[in-house]
Structure formats: structure tokens, C-alpha cells
């Protein structure tokens, strides 16, 4: 005798409706980030995927990294310049800046670029990291309201 399956309390229509609502919240969250951050707003639309949004959001928030690497990142529409910088640095980076580079590479390709919890980040970069993780997941933070 086959096992008895419990009734499905979440009909498929409800699951899809929740997913659509979450995407609407995320899109509004992304639009608000773009509106409040002109550097990110310029870079963000170049690639539509959430991985790009996350990595570029971290980079665009750095007054040292973005001027040094942002032009190449935008031109290539890739985090290749960041990966190259991590592999063969052209200049010394502070601990926080290095963590931003590592985390943007990790958000871009988590399987190839391992990152640790950014305990070295200052408060500003830590907040950007939290936001980037939400962007990577395609989620608006639970505390964020439209």
C-alpha cells in the first residue's frame, strides 16, 4: 500500500502568487537602490541578472575600487578585471577594500571564489555586503517596505 500523502496546504497558484509578489518587492527594492546611488544606477542595468547586481553594488560603493576598476568592469560587463586584480594586484588594497574585491568575486562566481564572513568590513561596507547578499538572492530584505 503506498504511503498516504498529507494534503498540500500551499496550492500551486498560491506559491506562484507569492513568488510574483516577492519579485515585485525585489524590483521596487532594486529601483530604490538605483535611485539612491547614481554610480550603481549607471552600472546596474548593463546586465539584468541578480549576480551582476550584487557584485556591482559592492564595487560601486567603494571610492577606491570603483575609480580603479569600474571602467573596465563596465566595459567588459564582467567581473574579470576584479578577478585579475585579485590574482595579480596592480596596487595595494586596504583590508576592507580587499574584502570588497573578494566578496564581489564570490558573489559573481561562488564556486570559484571562496569568501569568509566579512568581519573585517567597516560598518558602511558591511551594510553594502548585506544588501549585496539580498541582491544575489533576488530578494528584498524582510525589513524593507515599499
C-alpha atoms as a PDB file:
ATOM      1  CA  UNK A   1       0.000   0.000   0.000  1.00  0.00           C
ATOM      2  CA  UNK A   2       1.503   3.406  -0.974  1.00  0.00           C
ATOM      3  CA  UNK A   3       2.146   5.915   1.824  1.00  0.00           C
ATOM      4  CA  UNK A   4      -0.585   8.441   2.427  1.00  0.00           C
ATOM      5  CA  UNK A   5       0.472  11.923   1.411  1.00  0.00           C
ATOM      6  CA  UNK A   6      -0.606  14.843   3.594  1.00  0.00           C
ATOM      7  CA  UNK A   7      -2.819  17.382   1.851  1.00  0.00           C
ATOM      8  CA  UNK A   8      -0.985  20.199   0.102  1.00  0.00           C
ATOM      9  CA  UNK A   9      -1.695  23.344   2.100  1.00  0.00           C
ATOM     10  CA  UNK A  10       0.013  25.555  -0.488  1.00  0.00           C
ATOM     11  CA  UNK A  11      -1.752  25.163  -3.802  1.00  0.00           C
ATOM     12  CA  UNK A  12       0.481  25.853  -6.767  1.00  0.00           C
ATOM     13  CA  UNK A  13      -1.394  29.058  -7.584  1.00  0.00           C
ATOM     14  CA  UNK A  14      -0.580  30.425  -4.112  1.00  0.00           C
ATOM     15  CA  UNK A  15       3.093  29.558  -4.485  1.00  0.00           C
ATOM     16  CA  UNK A  16       3.263  31.324  -7.846  1.00  0.00           C
ATOM     17  CA  UNK A  17       1.395  34.352  -6.471  1.00  0.00           C
ATOM     18  CA  UNK A  18       3.866  34.612  -3.575  1.00  0.00           C
ATOM     19  CA  UNK A  19       6.797  34.361  -5.994  1.00  0.00           C
ATOM     20  CA  UNK A  20       5.324  37.140  -8.148  1.00  0.00           C
ATOM     21  CA  UNK A  21       4.756  39.339  -5.091  1.00  0.00           C
ATOM     22  CA  UNK A  22       8.337  38.763  -3.939  1.00  0.00           C
ATOM     23  CA  UNK A  23       9.656  39.719  -7.374  1.00  0.00           C
ATOM     24  CA  UNK A  24       7.601  42.917  -7.325  1.00  0.00           C
ATOM     25  CA  UNK A  25       9.083  43.756  -3.903  1.00  0.00           C
ATOM     26  CA  UNK A  26      12.572  42.959  -5.190  1.00  0.00           C
ATOM     27  CA  UNK A  27      12.126  45.104  -8.308  1.00  0.00           C
ATOM     28  CA  UNK A  28      10.963  48.028  -6.144  1.00  0.00           C
ATOM     29  CA  UNK A  29      13.945  47.461  -3.822  1.00  0.00           C
ATOM     30  CA  UNK A  30      16.355  47.451  -6.784  1.00  0.00           C
ATOM     31  CA  UNK A  31      14.761  50.613  -8.208  1.00  0.00           C
ATOM     32  CA  UNK A  32      15.142  52.347  -4.816  1.00  0.00           C
ATOM     33  CA  UNK A  33      18.831  51.347  -4.647  1.00  0.00           C
ATOM     34  CA  UNK A  34      19.399  52.708  -8.143  1.00  0.00           C
ATOM     35  CA  UNK A  35      17.624  55.943  -7.270  1.00  0.00           C
ATOM     36  CA  UNK A  36      19.732  56.480  -4.159  1.00  0.00           C
ATOM     37  CA  UNK A  37      23.101  55.523  -5.691  1.00  0.00           C
ATOM     38  CA  UNK A  38      23.959  57.155  -9.052  1.00  0.00           C
ATOM     39  CA  UNK A  39      27.139  55.102  -9.586  1.00  0.00           C
ATOM     40  CA  UNK A  40      25.251  51.856  -9.064  1.00  0.00           C
ATOM     41  CA  UNK A  41      22.367  53.163 -11.186  1.00  0.00           C
ATOM     42  CA  UNK A  42      24.722  53.589 -14.142  1.00  0.00           C
ATOM     43  CA  UNK A  43      26.239  50.103 -13.817  1.00  0.00           C
ATOM     44  CA  UNK A  44      23.215  48.104 -12.701  1.00  0.00           C
ATOM     45  CA  UNK A  45      21.179  47.962 -15.943  1.00  0.00           C
ATOM     46  CA  UNK A  46      24.094  46.674 -18.046  1.00  0.00           C
ATOM     47  CA  UNK A  47      23.279  43.087 -17.068  1.00  0.00           C
ATOM     48  CA  UNK A  48      19.864  42.070 -15.780  1.00  0.00           C
ATOM     49  CA  UNK A  49      20.885  39.155 -13.569  1.00  0.00           C
ATOM     50  CA  UNK A  50      20.936  39.319  -9.786  1.00  0.00           C
ATOM     51  CA  UNK A  51      24.540  38.102  -9.638  1.00  0.00           C
ATOM     52  CA  UNK A  52      25.671  41.207 -11.538  1.00  0.00           C
ATOM     53  CA  UNK A  53      23.554  43.461  -9.317  1.00  0.00           C
ATOM     54  CA  UNK A  54      25.149  42.054  -6.169  1.00  0.00           C
ATOM     55  CA  UNK A  55      28.756  42.207  -7.318  1.00  0.00           C
ATOM     56  CA  UNK A  56      28.483  45.663  -8.891  1.00  0.00           C
ATOM     57  CA  UNK A  57      26.648  47.061  -5.861  1.00  0.00           C
ATOM     58  CA  UNK A  58      29.603  46.162  -3.637  1.00  0.00           C
ATOM     59  CA  UNK A  59      32.174  47.559  -6.064  1.00  0.00           C
ATOM     60  CA  UNK A  60      30.274  50.755  -6.867  1.00  0.00           C
ATOM     61  CA  UNK A  61      30.173  51.624  -3.181  1.00  0.00           C
ATOM     62  CA  UNK A  62      33.951  51.836  -2.880  1.00  0.00           C
ATOM     63  CA  UNK A  63      35.539  55.218  -3.546  1.00  0.00           C
ATOM     64  CA  UNK A  64      38.880  53.486  -4.132  1.00  0.00           C
ATOM     65  CA  UNK A  65      37.894  50.369  -6.064  1.00  0.00           C
ATOM     66  CA  UNK A  66      35.322  51.787  -8.444  1.00  0.00           C
ATOM     67  CA  UNK A  67      37.568  54.515  -9.906  1.00  0.00           C
ATOM     68  CA  UNK A  68      40.375  51.964 -10.321  1.00  0.00           C
ATOM     69  CA  UNK A  69      38.375  49.066 -11.776  1.00  0.00           C
ATOM     70  CA  UNK A  70      34.858  50.276 -12.549  1.00  0.00           C
ATOM     71  CA  UNK A  71      35.587  51.426 -16.089  1.00  0.00           C
ATOM     72  CA  UNK A  72      36.957  48.032 -17.060  1.00  0.00           C
ATOM     73  CA  UNK A  73      34.125  46.208 -15.268  1.00  0.00           C
ATOM     74  CA  UNK A  74      31.566  48.302 -17.181  1.00  0.00           C
ATOM     75  CA  UNK A  75      33.386  47.911 -20.486  1.00  0.00           C
ATOM     76  CA  UNK A  76      33.690  44.140 -20.105  1.00  0.00           C
ATOM     77  CA  UNK A  77      30.292  43.714 -18.419  1.00  0.00           C
ATOM     78  CA  UNK A  78      32.151  41.219 -16.328  1.00  0.00           C
ATOM     79  CA  UNK A  79      33.974  40.892 -13.035  1.00  0.00           C
ATOM     80  CA  UNK A  80      37.038  39.710 -14.957  1.00  0.00           C
ATOM     81  CA  UNK A  81      39.006  42.853 -14.029  1.00  0.00           C
ATOM     82  CA  UNK A  82      38.316  42.177 -10.346  1.00  0.00           C
ATOM     83  CA  UNK A  83      39.432  38.562 -10.683  1.00  0.00           C
ATOM     84  CA  UNK A  84      42.618  39.705 -12.436  1.00  0.00           C
ATOM     85  CA  UNK A  85      43.242  42.241  -9.673  1.00  0.00           C
ATOM     86  CA  UNK A  86      42.861  39.562  -7.011  1.00  0.00           C
ATOM     87  CA  UNK A  87      45.213  37.224  -8.884  1.00  0.00           C
ATOM     88  CA  UNK A  88      47.807  39.879  -9.692  1.00  0.00           C
ATOM     89  CA  UNK A  89      47.227  43.143  -7.790  1.00  0.00           C
ATOM     90  CA  UNK A  90      48.374  46.302  -9.547  1.00  0.00           C
ATOM     91  CA  UNK A  91      48.302  48.233  -6.284  1.00  0.00           C
ATOM     92  CA  UNK A  92      47.999  47.550  -2.567  1.00  0.00           C
ATOM     93  CA  UNK A  93      44.450  47.418  -1.220  1.00  0.00           C
ATOM     94  CA  UNK A  94      43.361  48.032   2.348  1.00  0.00           C
ATOM     95  CA  UNK A  95      41.897  45.093   4.242  1.00  0.00           C
ATOM     96  CA  UNK A  96      38.339  46.377   3.706  1.00  0.00           C
ATOM     97  CA  UNK A  97      38.951  47.025   0.017  1.00  0.00           C
ATOM     98  CA  UNK A  98      40.415  43.549  -0.414  1.00  0.00           C
ATOM     99  CA  UNK A  99      37.330  42.079   1.251  1.00  0.00           C
ATOM    100  CA  UNK A 100      35.099  44.015  -1.155  1.00  0.00           C
ATOM    101  CA  UNK A 101      37.075  42.574  -4.090  1.00  0.00           C
ATOM    102  CA  UNK A 102      36.899  39.059  -2.675  1.00  0.00           C
ATOM    103  CA  UNK A 103      33.184  39.287  -1.953  1.00  0.00           C
ATOM    104  CA  UNK A 104      32.302  40.756  -5.329  1.00  0.00           C
ATOM    105  CA  UNK A 105      34.216  37.889  -6.980  1.00  0.00           C
ATOM    106  CA  UNK A 106      32.434  35.426  -4.686  1.00  0.00           C
ATOM    107  CA  UNK A 107      29.016  36.867  -5.495  1.00  0.00           C
ATOM    108  CA  UNK A 108      29.889  36.657  -9.186  1.00  0.00           C
ATOM    109  CA  UNK A 109      31.071  33.032  -9.013  1.00  0.00           C
ATOM    110  CA  UNK A 110      30.690  31.457  -5.583  1.00  0.00           C
ATOM    111  CA  UNK A 111      32.084  28.107  -6.695  1.00  0.00           C
ATOM    112  CA  UNK A 112      35.441  29.516  -7.800  1.00  0.00           C
ATOM    113  CA  UNK A 113      35.922  32.378  -5.376  1.00  0.00           C
ATOM    114  CA  UNK A 114      35.532  31.440  -1.750  1.00  0.00           C
ATOM    115  CA  UNK A 115      34.848  34.190   0.759  1.00  0.00           C
ATOM    116  CA  UNK A 116      34.527  34.259   4.504  1.00  0.00           C
ATOM    117  CA  UNK A 117      32.169  36.219   6.669  1.00  0.00           C
ATOM    118  CA  UNK A 118      33.429  39.800   6.279  1.00  0.00           C
ATOM    119  CA  UNK A 119      34.329  40.522   9.879  1.00  0.00           C
ATOM    120  CA  UNK A 120      36.935  42.945   8.574  1.00  0.00           C
ATOM    121  CA  UNK A 121      34.410  45.210   6.868  1.00  0.00           C
ATOM    122  CA  UNK A 122      33.686  48.563   8.394  1.00  0.00           C
ATOM    123  CA  UNK A 123      30.031  49.395   9.087  1.00  0.00           C
ATOM    124  CA  UNK A 124      29.450  51.008   5.660  1.00  0.00           C
ATOM    125  CA  UNK A 125      30.859  48.044   3.724  1.00  0.00           C
ATOM    126  CA  UNK A 126      29.090  45.571   5.988  1.00  0.00           C
ATOM    127  CA  UNK A 127      25.723  47.178   5.164  1.00  0.00           C
ATOM    128  CA  UNK A 128      26.554  47.060   1.478  1.00  0.00           C
ATOM    129  CA  UNK A 129      27.545  43.401   1.851  1.00  0.00           C
ATOM    130  CA  UNK A 130      24.184  42.570   3.468  1.00  0.00           C
ATOM    131  CA  UNK A 131      22.396  44.391   0.658  1.00  0.00           C
ATOM    132  CA  UNK A 132      24.531  42.606  -1.959  1.00  0.00           C
ATOM    133  CA  UNK A 133      23.656  39.217  -0.491  1.00  0.00           C
ATOM    134  CA  UNK A 134      19.969  40.097  -0.831  1.00  0.00           C
ATOM    135  CA  UNK A 135      20.547  41.228  -4.408  1.00  0.00           C
ATOM    136  CA  UNK A 136      22.391  37.968  -5.174  1.00  0.00           C
ATOM    137  CA  UNK A 137      19.392  36.021  -3.926  1.00  0.00           C
ATOM    138  CA  UNK A 138      16.893  38.169  -5.801  1.00  0.00           C
ATOM    139  CA  UNK A 139      15.216  39.110  -2.520  1.00  0.00           C
ATOM    140  CA  UNK A 140      14.240  42.354  -0.895  1.00  0.00           C
ATOM    141  CA  UNK A 141      15.275  42.421   2.776  1.00  0.00           C
ATOM    142  CA  UNK A 142      12.434  41.466   5.105  1.00  0.00           C
ATOM    143  CA  UNK A 143      12.707  44.798   6.882  1.00  0.00           C
ATOM    144  CA  UNK A 144      12.419  46.765   3.639  1.00  0.00           C
ATOM    145  CA  UNK A 145       8.998  48.185   2.808  1.00  0.00           C
ATOM    146  CA  UNK A 146       7.860  49.950  -0.314  1.00  0.00           C
END
